[in-house]
């Protein structure tokens, strides 16, 4: 039997709001449809982790308390996640997971909390102006319809390096000003879309294809 596709769900037990775990279930279903078994590992507090053991990383959203717990533990994994991303491997990050890839987030009181500082963007929290509701936006893979609920406003610091995942039709996306949703860098997608986002089959199938390509690459490299 061939080796299954391996998915790392970062902090599944803590970062799973508004149906984010459904993204992994949908991908597992589509990969099974294409003839691939999947192994999903929950990478949680205190566990060892090498991103290159996996074909896909998923990082969902969480409530404020859970995110504060994760932020302390996550720093251990910065280098392996950064190298995995720079090697053009697929990753999907939702809401809090998306924010963690940036430089920092600034709280409503003005406190700056460092994030992983892997990609050039930052997030500012505005507790008095929550962005919540249905969203619609256009991506290279077609229209996406989802749900957002966040106080964080994300801004790109280097627009030559980062691209938006989509252009807003309805809703807020990254912030109320830019009319853009999410972020793309190489094979990484960050998004504020819950619901889960991969109920949009066009996006789910595109990501599944990227995972299969990454799986083949990993097997080829380990067989050398």
N, C-alpha and C. Protein backbone atom coordinates (compact mmCIF):
# COMPACT_ATOMS: atom_id res chain seq x y z
N UNK A 1 0.85 -1.19 0.00
CA UNK A 1 0.00 0.00 0.00
C UNK A 1 0.89 1.25 0.00
N UNK A 2 0.54 2.22 -0.82
CA UNK A 2 1.33 3.44 -0.90
C UNK A 2 1.16 4.28 0.36
N UNK A 3 2.15 5.12 0.62
CA UNK A 3 2.10 5.97 1.81
C UNK A 3 0.96 6.98 1.69
N UNK A 4 0.19 7.19 2.75
CA UNK A 4 -0.91 8.15 2.67
C UNK A 4 -0.42 9.58 2.59
N UNK A 5 -1.25 10.46 2.10
CA UNK A 5 -0.98 11.89 2.16
C UNK A 5 -1.07 12.30 3.63
N UNK A 6 -0.08 13.06 4.06
CA UNK A 6 0.01 13.42 5.48
C UNK A 6 -0.33 14.90 5.66
N UNK A 7 -1.30 15.15 6.51
CA UNK A 7 -1.76 16.51 6.80
C UNK A 7 -1.49 16.82 8.27
N UNK A 8 -0.85 17.95 8.51
CA UNK A 8 -0.64 18.42 9.88
C UNK A 8 -1.67 19.49 10.19
N UNK A 9 -2.51 19.23 11.17
CA UNK A 9 -3.49 20.21 11.64
C UNK A 9 -2.88 20.85 12.87
N UNK A 10 -2.43 22.09 12.74
CA UNK A 10 -1.75 22.76 13.84
C UNK A 10 -2.76 23.17 14.91
N UNK A 11 -2.59 22.60 16.10
CA UNK A 11 -3.41 22.93 17.28
C UNK A 11 -4.91 22.72 17.01
N UNK A 12 -5.23 21.56 16.47
CA UNK A 12 -6.62 21.23 16.17
C UNK A 12 -7.52 21.35 17.39
N UNK A 13 -7.00 21.00 18.55
CA UNK A 13 -7.80 21.01 19.77
C UNK A 13 -8.04 22.42 20.31
N UNK A 14 -7.31 23.41 19.79
CA UNK A 14 -7.44 24.78 20.28
C UNK A 14 -7.88 25.77 19.19
N UNK A 15 -7.52 25.49 17.97
CA UNK A 15 -7.78 26.43 16.86
C UNK A 15 -8.77 25.79 15.89
N UNK A 16 -10.05 25.89 16.22
CA UNK A 16 -11.09 25.27 15.39
C UNK A 16 -12.42 25.96 15.66
N UNK A 17 -12.61 27.15 15.08
CA UNK A 17 -13.86 27.88 15.26
C UNK A 17 -14.66 27.92 13.96
N UNK A 18 -15.97 28.02 14.09
CA UNK A 18 -16.87 28.21 12.94
C UNK A 18 -16.66 27.18 11.84
N UNK A 19 -16.41 25.95 12.25
CA UNK A 19 -16.35 24.87 11.28
C UNK A 19 -15.05 24.72 10.53
N UNK A 20 -13.95 25.28 11.05
CA UNK A 20 -12.69 25.20 10.32
C UNK A 20 -12.21 23.76 10.12
N UNK A 21 -12.52 22.87 11.06
CA UNK A 21 -12.10 21.47 10.90
C UNK A 21 -12.73 20.85 9.65
N UNK A 22 -13.83 21.43 9.19
CA UNK A 22 -14.47 20.94 7.98
C UNK A 22 -13.58 21.06 6.76
N UNK A 23 -12.65 22.02 6.77
CA UNK A 23 -11.73 22.16 5.64
C UNK A 23 -10.89 20.90 5.46
N UNK A 24 -10.39 20.36 6.57
CA UNK A 24 -9.57 19.16 6.50
C UNK A 24 -10.42 17.95 6.09
N UNK A 25 -11.64 17.88 6.59
CA UNK A 25 -12.53 16.77 6.23
C UNK A 25 -12.87 16.80 4.73
N UNK A 26 -13.10 17.99 4.21
CA UNK A 26 -13.41 18.12 2.78
C UNK A 26 -12.22 17.70 1.94
N UNK A 27 -11.03 18.15 2.32
CA UNK A 27 -9.83 17.77 1.57
C UNK A 27 -9.61 16.26 1.62
N UNK A 28 -9.81 15.65 2.78
CA UNK A 28 -9.65 14.20 2.90
C UNK A 28 -10.62 13.47 1.98
N UNK A 29 -11.84 13.98 1.89
CA UNK A 29 -12.84 13.38 1.00
C UNK A 29 -12.42 13.49 -0.46
N UNK A 30 -11.98 14.67 -0.87
CA UNK A 30 -11.59 14.87 -2.27
C UNK A 30 -10.35 14.06 -2.63
N UNK A 31 -9.42 13.96 -1.70
CA UNK A 31 -8.20 13.17 -1.95
C UNK A 31 -8.54 11.68 -2.04
N UNK A 32 -9.48 11.24 -1.21
CA UNK A 32 -9.94 9.84 -1.29
C UNK A 32 -10.59 9.59 -2.65
N UNK A 33 -11.33 10.55 -3.12
CA UNK A 33 -11.98 10.47 -4.43
C UNK A 33 -10.95 10.30 -5.54
N UNK A 34 -9.77 10.88 -5.33
CA UNK A 34 -8.69 10.79 -6.32
C UNK A 34 -7.77 9.59 -6.08
N UNK A 35 -8.12 8.76 -5.09
CA UNK A 35 -7.38 7.54 -4.86
C UNK A 35 -6.31 7.60 -3.79
N UNK A 36 -6.34 8.64 -2.94
CA UNK A 36 -5.32 8.80 -1.91
C UNK A 36 -5.93 8.70 -0.52
N UNK A 37 -5.33 7.86 0.32
CA UNK A 37 -5.67 7.86 1.74
C UNK A 37 -4.99 9.05 2.40
N UNK A 38 -5.55 9.49 3.53
CA UNK A 38 -4.94 10.61 4.25
C UNK A 38 -4.71 10.25 5.71
N UNK A 39 -3.66 10.82 6.26
CA UNK A 39 -3.35 10.73 7.68
C UNK A 39 -3.31 12.15 8.22
N UNK A 40 -4.19 12.45 9.18
CA UNK A 40 -4.27 13.79 9.76
C UNK A 40 -3.73 13.73 11.19
N UNK A 41 -2.68 14.51 11.46
CA UNK A 41 -2.08 14.55 12.79
C UNK A 41 -2.36 15.89 13.45
N UNK A 42 -2.81 15.85 14.69
CA UNK A 42 -3.00 17.05 15.49
C UNK A 42 -1.66 17.41 16.13
N UNK A 43 -1.08 18.54 15.74
CA UNK A 43 0.16 19.01 16.33
C UNK A 43 -0.20 20.02 17.40
N UNK A 44 -0.09 19.63 18.65
CA UNK A 44 -0.58 20.48 19.74
C UNK A 44 0.55 20.84 20.71
N UNK A 45 0.19 21.34 21.87
CA UNK A 45 1.13 21.91 22.83
C UNK A 45 2.22 20.91 23.22
N UNK A 46 3.47 21.35 23.12
CA UNK A 46 4.59 20.55 23.58
C UNK A 46 5.04 19.45 22.65
N UNK A 47 4.37 19.25 21.52
CA UNK A 47 4.71 18.15 20.62
C UNK A 47 5.84 18.54 19.68
N UNK A 48 6.64 17.52 19.29
CA UNK A 48 7.67 17.73 18.29
C UNK A 48 7.02 17.84 16.92
N UNK A 49 7.64 18.62 16.03
CA UNK A 49 7.03 18.84 14.72
C UNK A 49 8.08 19.22 13.69
N UNK A 50 8.10 18.48 12.59
CA UNK A 50 8.91 18.80 11.42
C UNK A 50 7.97 18.95 10.24
N UNK A 51 7.83 20.17 9.73
CA UNK A 51 6.86 20.42 8.66
C UNK A 51 7.12 19.58 7.42
N UNK A 52 8.38 19.23 7.17
CA UNK A 52 8.73 18.48 5.96
C UNK A 52 8.33 17.02 6.02
N UNK A 53 7.77 16.58 7.15
CA UNK A 53 7.19 15.24 7.23
C UNK A 53 5.79 15.21 6.63
N UNK A 54 5.27 16.39 6.23
CA UNK A 54 3.88 16.50 5.80
C UNK A 54 3.76 17.07 4.39
N UNK A 55 2.60 16.79 3.78
CA UNK A 55 2.30 17.28 2.44
C UNK A 55 1.43 18.53 2.47
N UNK A 56 0.86 18.84 3.63
CA UNK A 56 -0.04 19.98 3.75
C UNK A 56 -0.14 20.38 5.22
N UNK A 57 -0.10 21.70 5.47
CA UNK A 57 -0.30 22.22 6.81
C UNK A 57 -1.60 23.00 6.85
N UNK A 58 -2.39 22.78 7.90
CA UNK A 58 -3.62 23.53 8.09
C UNK A 58 -3.59 24.17 9.47
N UNK A 59 -4.02 25.45 9.52
CA UNK A 59 -3.99 26.20 10.77
C UNK A 59 -5.29 26.99 10.85
N UNK A 60 -6.18 26.59 11.74
CA UNK A 60 -7.49 27.22 11.84
C UNK A 60 -7.51 28.43 12.76
N UNK A 61 -8.69 28.96 13.00
CA UNK A 61 -8.87 30.11 13.86
C UNK A 61 -9.25 29.70 15.27
N UNK A 62 -9.05 30.63 16.22
CA UNK A 62 -9.38 30.33 17.61
C UNK A 62 -9.85 31.57 18.34
N UNK A 63 -10.42 31.36 19.52
CA UNK A 63 -10.82 32.48 20.37
C UNK A 63 -9.58 33.12 20.99
N UNK A 64 -9.76 34.31 21.58
CA UNK A 64 -8.62 35.08 22.08
C UNK A 64 -7.78 34.30 23.09
N UNK A 65 -8.43 33.62 24.04
CA UNK A 65 -7.67 32.90 25.06
C UNK A 65 -6.86 31.78 24.44
N UNK A 66 -7.48 30.98 23.59
CA UNK A 66 -6.78 29.87 22.95
C UNK A 66 -5.61 30.37 22.10
N UNK A 67 -5.82 31.51 21.40
CA UNK A 67 -4.74 32.05 20.59
C UNK A 67 -3.56 32.49 21.46
N UNK A 68 -3.84 33.02 22.63
CA UNK A 68 -2.76 33.44 23.52
C UNK A 68 -1.95 32.24 24.00
N UNK A 69 -2.62 31.11 24.23
CA UNK A 69 -1.93 29.89 24.64
C UNK A 69 -1.08 29.36 23.50
N UNK A 70 -1.65 29.34 22.31
CA UNK A 70 -0.94 28.83 21.13
C UNK A 70 0.26 29.70 20.79
N UNK A 71 0.14 31.00 20.93
CA UNK A 71 1.21 31.91 20.51
C UNK A 71 2.52 31.63 21.24
N UNK A 72 2.44 31.22 22.49
CA UNK A 72 3.64 30.92 23.25
C UNK A 72 4.31 29.64 22.76
N UNK A 73 3.51 28.61 22.52
CA UNK A 73 4.05 27.32 22.09
C UNK A 73 4.52 27.34 20.64
N UNK A 74 3.84 28.10 19.80
CA UNK A 74 4.08 28.09 18.36
C UNK A 74 5.48 28.55 17.98
N UNK A 75 6.08 29.40 18.80
CA UNK A 75 7.40 29.95 18.46
C UNK A 75 8.44 28.87 18.25
N UNK A 76 8.26 27.71 18.89
CA UNK A 76 9.21 26.60 18.73
C UNK A 76 9.28 26.12 17.29
N UNK A 77 8.19 26.32 16.55
CA UNK A 77 8.08 25.75 15.20
C UNK A 77 8.35 26.76 14.09
N UNK A 78 8.80 27.96 14.45
CA UNK A 78 8.95 29.02 13.44
C UNK A 78 9.83 28.59 12.28
N UNK A 79 11.00 28.05 12.57
CA UNK A 79 11.97 27.77 11.50
C UNK A 79 11.49 26.68 10.55
N UNK A 80 10.90 25.62 11.09
CA UNK A 80 10.43 24.55 10.21
C UNK A 80 9.26 25.01 9.34
N UNK A 81 8.37 25.84 9.91
CA UNK A 81 7.25 26.36 9.11
C UNK A 81 7.76 27.32 8.05
N UNK A 82 8.71 28.18 8.41
CA UNK A 82 9.26 29.13 7.45
C UNK A 82 9.94 28.41 6.28
N UNK A 83 10.75 27.41 6.59
CA UNK A 83 11.44 26.67 5.54
C UNK A 83 10.45 25.92 4.65
N UNK A 84 9.42 25.37 5.25
CA UNK A 84 8.38 24.67 4.50
C UNK A 84 7.68 25.62 3.53
N UNK A 85 7.34 26.81 4.01
CA UNK A 85 6.69 27.82 3.16
C UNK A 85 7.61 28.27 2.05
N UNK A 86 8.86 28.57 2.38
CA UNK A 86 9.81 29.05 1.38
C UNK A 86 10.11 28.01 0.32
N UNK A 87 9.91 26.74 0.65
CA UNK A 87 10.13 25.65 -0.31
C UNK A 87 8.91 25.42 -1.19
N UNK A 88 7.92 26.33 -1.10
CA UNK A 88 6.75 26.32 -1.98
C UNK A 88 5.81 25.14 -1.72
N UNK A 89 5.65 24.79 -0.45
CA UNK A 89 4.73 23.72 -0.08
C UNK A 89 3.39 24.31 0.36
N UNK A 90 2.29 23.55 0.20
CA UNK A 90 0.95 24.11 0.44
C UNK A 90 0.56 24.21 1.91
N UNK A 91 -0.08 25.33 2.23
CA UNK A 91 -0.56 25.59 3.59
C UNK A 91 -1.79 26.47 3.49
N UNK A 92 -2.78 26.20 4.33
CA UNK A 92 -3.98 27.03 4.42
C UNK A 92 -4.14 27.47 5.86
N UNK A 93 -4.23 28.79 6.06
CA UNK A 93 -4.35 29.37 7.40
C UNK A 93 -5.61 30.22 7.47
N UNK A 94 -6.42 30.00 8.48
CA UNK A 94 -7.70 30.70 8.63
C UNK A 94 -7.67 31.60 9.86
N UNK A 95 -8.05 32.86 9.68
CA UNK A 95 -8.26 33.82 10.76
C UNK A 95 -7.04 33.91 11.67
N UNK A 96 -7.11 33.40 12.91
CA UNK A 96 -5.99 33.49 13.81
C UNK A 96 -4.74 32.82 13.27
N UNK A 97 -4.91 31.68 12.59
CA UNK A 97 -3.77 31.01 11.98
C UNK A 97 -3.11 31.87 10.93
N UNK A 98 -3.90 32.59 10.17
CA UNK A 98 -3.42 33.55 9.17
C UNK A 98 -2.64 34.66 9.86
N UNK A 99 -3.20 35.24 10.90
CA UNK A 99 -2.56 36.35 11.61
C UNK A 99 -1.19 35.95 12.17
N UNK A 100 -1.07 34.71 12.64
CA UNK A 100 0.17 34.25 13.25
C UNK A 100 1.36 34.26 12.29
N UNK A 101 1.12 34.17 10.98
CA UNK A 101 2.23 34.16 10.02
C UNK A 101 2.87 35.54 9.86
N UNK A 102 2.17 36.60 10.28
CA UNK A 102 2.66 37.96 10.10
C UNK A 102 3.66 38.39 11.14
N UNK A 103 3.98 39.69 11.10
CA UNK A 103 5.00 40.25 12.00
C UNK A 103 4.49 40.38 13.43
N UNK A 104 3.30 40.95 13.59
CA UNK A 104 2.78 41.19 14.92
C UNK A 104 1.30 41.52 14.84
N UNK A 105 0.63 41.49 15.99
CA UNK A 105 -0.70 42.09 16.06
C UNK A 105 -0.72 43.05 17.24
N UNK A 106 -1.39 44.14 16.99
CA UNK A 106 -1.48 45.21 17.98
C UNK A 106 -2.85 45.16 18.63
N UNK A 107 -2.88 45.08 19.96
CA UNK A 107 -4.14 44.97 20.67
C UNK A 107 -4.85 46.32 20.73
N UNK A 108 -6.09 46.30 21.19
CA UNK A 108 -6.87 47.53 21.29
C UNK A 108 -6.23 48.54 22.25
N UNK A 109 -5.46 48.03 23.21
CA UNK A 109 -4.80 48.91 24.17
C UNK A 109 -3.47 49.45 23.67
N UNK A 110 -3.07 49.01 22.46
CA UNK A 110 -1.82 49.49 21.88
C UNK A 110 -0.63 48.58 22.12
N UNK A 111 -0.84 47.47 22.83
CA UNK A 111 0.25 46.52 23.08
C UNK A 111 0.58 45.77 21.79
N UNK A 112 1.86 45.63 21.50
CA UNK A 112 2.30 44.90 20.31
C UNK A 112 2.73 43.51 20.71
N UNK A 113 2.08 42.50 20.14
CA UNK A 113 2.39 41.11 20.44
C UNK A 113 3.06 40.49 19.21
N UNK A 114 4.31 40.04 19.32
CA UNK A 114 5.01 39.47 18.17
C UNK A 114 4.33 38.19 17.68
N UNK A 115 4.30 38.02 16.35
CA UNK A 115 3.84 36.77 15.74
C UNK A 115 5.07 36.05 15.19
N UNK A 116 4.91 35.16 14.22
CA UNK A 116 6.04 34.39 13.73
C UNK A 116 6.98 35.19 12.84
N UNK A 117 6.49 36.30 12.29
CA UNK A 117 7.31 37.16 11.43
C UNK A 117 7.90 36.37 10.26
N UNK A 118 7.06 35.55 9.64
CA UNK A 118 7.47 34.80 8.46
C UNK A 118 7.14 35.58 7.20
N UNK A 119 5.99 36.27 7.21
CA UNK A 119 5.55 37.02 6.04
C UNK A 119 5.31 38.48 6.42
N UNK A 120 5.49 39.41 5.45
CA UNK A 120 5.45 40.85 5.76
C UNK A 120 4.05 41.45 5.81
N UNK A 121 3.33 41.17 6.88
CA UNK A 121 2.06 41.83 7.14
C UNK A 121 1.85 41.92 8.64
N UNK A 122 0.92 42.76 9.06
CA UNK A 122 0.63 42.89 10.48
C UNK A 122 -0.87 43.06 10.67
N UNK A 123 -1.32 42.90 11.90
CA UNK A 123 -2.75 42.97 12.21
C UNK A 123 -2.97 43.90 13.40
N UNK A 124 -3.99 44.74 13.26
CA UNK A 124 -4.37 45.67 14.32
C UNK A 124 -5.78 45.32 14.78
N UNK A 125 -5.98 45.14 16.09
CA UNK A 125 -7.28 44.78 16.62
C UNK A 125 -8.09 46.03 16.96
N UNK A 126 -9.34 46.03 16.52
CA UNK A 126 -10.28 47.11 16.83
C UNK A 126 -11.51 46.47 17.45
N UNK A 127 -11.50 46.33 18.76
CA UNK A 127 -12.57 45.60 19.44
C UNK A 127 -13.93 46.27 19.30
N UNK A 128 -13.94 47.57 19.03
CA UNK A 128 -15.21 48.29 18.95
C UNK A 128 -15.81 48.27 17.54
N UNK A 129 -15.17 47.60 16.60
CA UNK A 129 -15.70 47.57 15.22
C UNK A 129 -15.46 46.21 14.60
N UNK A 130 -16.18 45.22 15.13
CA UNK A 130 -16.02 43.85 14.67
C UNK A 130 -16.55 43.70 13.24
N UNK A 131 -15.86 42.94 12.42
CA UNK A 131 -16.27 42.68 11.05
C UNK A 131 -16.89 41.29 10.98
N UNK A 132 -18.18 41.25 10.78
CA UNK A 132 -18.91 39.99 10.87
C UNK A 132 -20.00 39.94 9.80
N UNK A 133 -20.19 38.75 9.21
CA UNK A 133 -21.25 38.57 8.23
C UNK A 133 -20.82 37.71 7.06
N UNK A 134 -21.71 37.56 6.11
CA UNK A 134 -21.43 36.79 4.90
C UNK A 134 -20.47 37.56 4.00
N UNK A 135 -19.63 36.82 3.30
CA UNK A 135 -18.69 37.43 2.37
C UNK A 135 -18.78 36.78 1.00
N UNK A 136 -18.39 37.56 0.01
CA UNK A 136 -18.24 37.06 -1.35
C UNK A 136 -17.06 37.77 -1.97
N UNK A 137 -16.22 37.00 -2.65
CA UNK A 137 -15.07 37.62 -3.32
C UNK A 137 -14.62 36.76 -4.49
N UNK A 138 -13.85 37.39 -5.38
CA UNK A 138 -13.39 36.75 -6.61
C UNK A 138 -11.92 36.33 -6.45
N UNK A 139 -11.62 35.09 -6.82
CA UNK A 139 -10.26 34.58 -6.80
C UNK A 139 -9.88 34.06 -8.18
N UNK A 140 -8.64 33.64 -8.33
CA UNK A 140 -8.22 33.07 -9.62
C UNK A 140 -8.93 31.76 -9.90
N UNK A 141 -9.50 31.15 -8.86
CA UNK A 141 -10.23 29.90 -9.04
C UNK A 141 -11.73 30.10 -9.06
N UNK A 142 -12.17 31.36 -9.14
CA UNK A 142 -13.59 31.64 -9.20
C UNK A 142 -14.11 32.30 -7.93
N UNK A 143 -15.43 32.39 -7.84
CA UNK A 143 -16.08 33.07 -6.71
C UNK A 143 -16.03 32.23 -5.45
N UNK A 144 -15.83 32.91 -4.31
CA UNK A 144 -15.87 32.27 -3.00
C UNK A 144 -16.96 32.95 -2.18
N UNK A 145 -17.78 32.15 -1.51
CA UNK A 145 -18.78 32.65 -0.56
C UNK A 145 -18.52 32.00 0.78
N UNK A 146 -18.44 32.82 1.83
CA UNK A 146 -18.09 32.29 3.15
C UNK A 146 -18.65 33.19 4.24
N UNK A 147 -18.06 33.11 5.43
CA UNK A 147 -18.51 33.86 6.60
C UNK A 147 -17.28 34.39 7.34
N UNK A 148 -17.33 35.64 7.78
CA UNK A 148 -16.22 36.22 8.55
C UNK A 148 -16.71 36.73 9.90
N UNK A 149 -15.82 36.69 10.89
CA UNK A 149 -16.13 37.21 12.22
C UNK A 149 -14.81 37.52 12.91
N UNK A 150 -14.34 38.76 12.78
CA UNK A 150 -13.02 39.09 13.32
C UNK A 150 -12.94 40.58 13.65
N UNK A 151 -12.14 40.89 14.66
CA UNK A 151 -11.83 42.28 15.02
C UNK A 151 -10.49 42.71 14.46
N UNK A 152 -9.68 41.75 14.04
CA UNK A 152 -8.37 42.07 13.51
C UNK A 152 -8.43 42.63 12.10
N UNK A 153 -7.67 43.70 11.87
CA UNK A 153 -7.55 44.29 10.54
C UNK A 153 -6.12 44.04 10.05
N UNK A 154 -6.00 43.31 8.96
CA UNK A 154 -4.69 42.92 8.47
C UNK A 154 -4.26 43.80 7.30
N UNK A 155 -2.98 44.23 7.36
CA UNK A 155 -2.42 45.12 6.33
C UNK A 155 -1.09 44.55 5.84
N UNK A 156 -0.89 44.57 4.51
CA UNK A 156 0.36 44.11 3.93
C UNK A 156 1.43 45.17 4.10
N UNK A 157 2.63 44.75 4.50
CA UNK A 157 3.77 45.65 4.61
C UNK A 157 4.63 45.64 3.35
N UNK A 158 4.52 44.59 2.54
CA UNK A 158 5.27 44.48 1.29
C UNK A 158 4.33 43.92 0.22
N UNK A 159 3.71 44.81 -0.51
CA UNK A 159 2.73 44.39 -1.51
C UNK A 159 3.38 43.79 -2.76
N UNK A 160 4.69 43.94 -2.89
CA UNK A 160 5.38 43.30 -4.02
C UNK A 160 5.60 41.82 -3.75
N UNK A 161 5.58 41.44 -2.48
CA UNK A 161 5.82 40.04 -2.11
C UNK A 161 4.52 39.28 -1.89
N UNK A 162 3.53 39.96 -1.32
CA UNK A 162 2.25 39.32 -1.00
C UNK A 162 1.17 39.74 -1.99
N UNK A 163 0.28 38.83 -2.29
CA UNK A 163 -0.87 39.12 -3.14
C UNK A 163 -2.14 38.78 -2.36
N UNK A 164 -3.22 39.50 -2.59
CA UNK A 164 -4.48 39.12 -1.94
C UNK A 164 -5.00 37.80 -2.50
N UNK A 165 -5.70 37.06 -1.67
CA UNK A 165 -6.33 35.84 -2.15
C UNK A 165 -7.51 36.17 -3.05
N UNK A 166 -8.25 37.25 -2.71
CA UNK A 166 -9.41 37.61 -3.52
C UNK A 166 -9.74 39.08 -3.43
N UNK A 167 -10.62 39.51 -4.34
CA UNK A 167 -11.12 40.89 -4.38
C UNK A 167 -12.57 40.88 -3.90
N UNK A 168 -12.86 41.72 -2.90
CA UNK A 168 -14.15 41.68 -2.24
C UNK A 168 -15.30 42.13 -3.14
N UNK A 169 -16.41 41.42 -3.02
CA UNK A 169 -17.70 41.81 -3.61
C UNK A 169 -18.65 42.20 -2.49
N UNK A 170 -18.64 41.39 -1.41
CA UNK A 170 -19.48 41.64 -0.24
C UNK A 170 -18.68 41.32 1.01
N UNK A 171 -18.75 42.16 2.03
CA UNK A 171 -18.04 41.92 3.27
C UNK A 171 -16.79 42.78 3.38
N UNK A 172 -15.96 42.46 4.36
CA UNK A 172 -14.80 43.29 4.67
C UNK A 172 -13.48 42.68 4.20
N UNK A 173 -13.26 41.39 4.48
CA UNK A 173 -11.97 40.79 4.15
C UNK A 173 -10.89 41.21 5.12
N UNK A 174 -9.71 41.57 4.60
CA UNK A 174 -8.58 41.90 5.45
C UNK A 174 -8.85 43.10 6.35
N UNK A 175 -9.51 44.11 5.81
CA UNK A 175 -9.78 45.34 6.55
C UNK A 175 -10.85 46.13 5.79
N UNK A 176 -11.39 47.18 6.37
CA UNK A 176 -12.47 47.92 5.70
C UNK A 176 -12.01 48.80 4.54
N UNK A 177 -10.69 48.93 4.35
CA UNK A 177 -10.17 49.91 3.39
C UNK A 177 -9.74 49.34 2.06
N UNK A 178 -9.11 48.15 2.07
CA UNK A 178 -8.42 47.66 0.87
C UNK A 178 -9.31 46.89 -0.09
N UNK A 179 -10.47 46.43 0.37
CA UNK A 179 -11.38 45.64 -0.47
C UNK A 179 -10.72 44.35 -0.97
N UNK A 180 -9.89 43.78 -0.13
CA UNK A 180 -9.19 42.54 -0.47
C UNK A 180 -9.39 41.51 0.63
N UNK A 181 -9.39 40.24 0.22
CA UNK A 181 -9.57 39.16 1.19
C UNK A 181 -8.35 38.25 1.17
N UNK A 182 -7.79 38.05 2.36
CA UNK A 182 -6.75 37.06 2.51
C UNK A 182 -5.43 37.41 1.86
N UNK A 183 -4.57 36.41 1.78
CA UNK A 183 -3.21 36.59 1.33
C UNK A 183 -2.74 35.34 0.60
N UNK A 184 -1.91 35.55 -0.42
CA UNK A 184 -1.23 34.44 -1.08
C UNK A 184 0.25 34.73 -1.17
N UNK A 185 1.04 33.72 -0.83
CA UNK A 185 2.49 33.78 -1.00
C UNK A 185 2.94 32.37 -1.37
N UNK A 186 3.51 32.24 -2.57
CA UNK A 186 3.88 30.93 -3.08
C UNK A 186 2.65 30.01 -2.98
N UNK A 187 2.74 28.89 -2.25
CA UNK A 187 1.60 27.97 -2.15
C UNK A 187 0.86 28.08 -0.83
N UNK A 188 1.02 29.24 -0.16
CA UNK A 188 0.33 29.48 1.10
C UNK A 188 -0.85 30.42 0.89
N UNK A 189 -1.97 30.08 1.51
CA UNK A 189 -3.16 30.94 1.49
C UNK A 189 -3.53 31.27 2.93
N UNK A 190 -3.73 32.56 3.20
CA UNK A 190 -4.28 33.00 4.46
C UNK A 190 -5.64 33.62 4.18
N UNK A 191 -6.62 33.40 5.06
CA UNK A 191 -7.97 33.90 4.80
C UNK A 191 -8.74 34.10 6.09
N UNK A 192 -9.68 35.03 6.06
CA UNK A 192 -10.60 35.22 7.18
C UNK A 192 -11.90 34.44 6.97
N UNK A 193 -11.94 33.58 5.99
CA UNK A 193 -13.19 32.89 5.63
C UNK A 193 -13.41 31.62 6.43
N UNK A 194 -14.51 31.61 7.19
CA UNK A 194 -14.96 30.41 7.89
C UNK A 194 -16.12 29.80 7.09
N UNK A 195 -16.68 28.74 7.66
CA UNK A 195 -17.92 28.29 7.06
C UNK A 195 -18.12 26.82 6.75
N UNK A 196 -17.10 25.99 6.44
CA UNK A 196 -15.70 26.32 6.19
C UNK A 196 -15.48 26.86 4.78
N UNK A 197 -14.35 27.45 4.52
CA UNK A 197 -14.07 28.03 3.22
C UNK A 197 -14.11 26.98 2.11
N UNK A 198 -13.69 25.75 2.43
CA UNK A 198 -13.58 24.74 1.36
C UNK A 198 -14.90 24.08 1.01
N UNK A 199 -16.01 24.61 1.55
CA UNK A 199 -17.30 24.23 0.99
C UNK A 199 -17.39 24.77 -0.44
N UNK A 200 -16.54 25.76 -0.76
CA UNK A 200 -16.39 26.24 -2.13
C UNK A 200 -15.52 25.22 -2.88
N UNK A 201 -16.17 24.35 -3.63
CA UNK A 201 -15.49 23.21 -4.23
C UNK A 201 -14.40 23.64 -5.20
N UNK A 202 -14.55 24.80 -5.84
CA UNK A 202 -13.53 25.26 -6.77
C UNK A 202 -12.19 25.46 -6.07
N UNK A 203 -12.23 26.04 -4.88
CA UNK A 203 -11.00 26.26 -4.11
C UNK A 203 -10.49 24.95 -3.53
N UNK A 204 -11.40 24.13 -3.02
CA UNK A 204 -11.01 22.86 -2.41
C UNK A 204 -10.29 21.96 -3.41
N UNK A 205 -10.80 21.89 -4.63
CA UNK A 205 -10.16 21.02 -5.64
C UNK A 205 -8.80 21.58 -6.07
N UNK A 206 -8.68 22.89 -6.14
CA UNK A 206 -7.39 23.49 -6.50
C UNK A 206 -6.34 23.19 -5.43
N UNK A 207 -6.73 23.28 -4.17
CA UNK A 207 -5.79 22.99 -3.09
C UNK A 207 -5.48 21.49 -3.05
N UNK A 208 -6.47 20.65 -3.29
CA UNK A 208 -6.23 19.20 -3.32
C UNK A 208 -5.18 18.86 -4.38
N UNK A 209 -5.24 19.51 -5.52
CA UNK A 209 -4.24 19.26 -6.58
C UNK A 209 -2.85 19.67 -6.12
N UNK A 210 -2.76 20.79 -5.39
CA UNK A 210 -1.46 21.22 -4.87
C UNK A 210 -0.92 20.22 -3.84
N UNK A 211 -1.81 19.66 -3.04
CA UNK A 211 -1.39 18.68 -2.04
C UNK A 211 -0.85 17.42 -2.71
N UNK A 212 -1.52 16.97 -3.75
CA UNK A 212 -1.06 15.78 -4.47
C UNK A 212 0.32 16.02 -5.07
N UNK A 213 0.53 17.20 -5.63
CA UNK A 213 1.84 17.54 -6.20
C UNK A 213 2.92 17.56 -5.12
N UNK A 214 2.58 18.10 -3.94
CA UNK A 214 3.53 18.15 -2.84
C UNK A 214 3.84 16.73 -2.32
N UNK A 215 2.83 15.89 -2.29
CA UNK A 215 3.00 14.50 -1.86
C UNK A 215 3.97 13.77 -2.79
N UNK A 216 3.79 13.94 -4.08
CA UNK A 216 4.68 13.29 -5.05
C UNK A 216 6.11 13.81 -4.90
N UNK A 217 6.25 15.11 -4.65
CA UNK A 217 7.58 15.70 -4.46
C UNK A 217 8.25 15.11 -3.22
N UNK A 218 7.48 15.01 -2.11
CA UNK A 218 8.05 14.49 -0.88
C UNK A 218 8.50 13.05 -1.03
N UNK A 219 7.69 12.22 -1.68
CA UNK A 219 8.05 10.83 -1.88
C UNK A 219 9.30 10.70 -2.76
N UNK A 220 9.38 11.55 -3.79
CA UNK A 220 10.54 11.51 -4.68
C UNK A 220 11.82 11.89 -3.93
N UNK A 221 11.71 12.88 -3.04
CA UNK A 221 12.88 13.34 -2.30
C UNK A 221 13.30 12.33 -1.24
N UNK A 222 12.35 11.65 -0.61
CA UNK A 222 12.70 10.68 0.42
C UNK A 222 13.24 9.39 -0.17
N UNK A 223 12.96 9.14 -1.45
CA UNK A 223 13.43 7.91 -2.10
C UNK A 223 14.83 8.04 -2.67
N UNK A 224 15.38 9.24 -2.67
CA UNK A 224 16.73 9.46 -3.22
C UNK A 224 17.79 8.79 -2.35
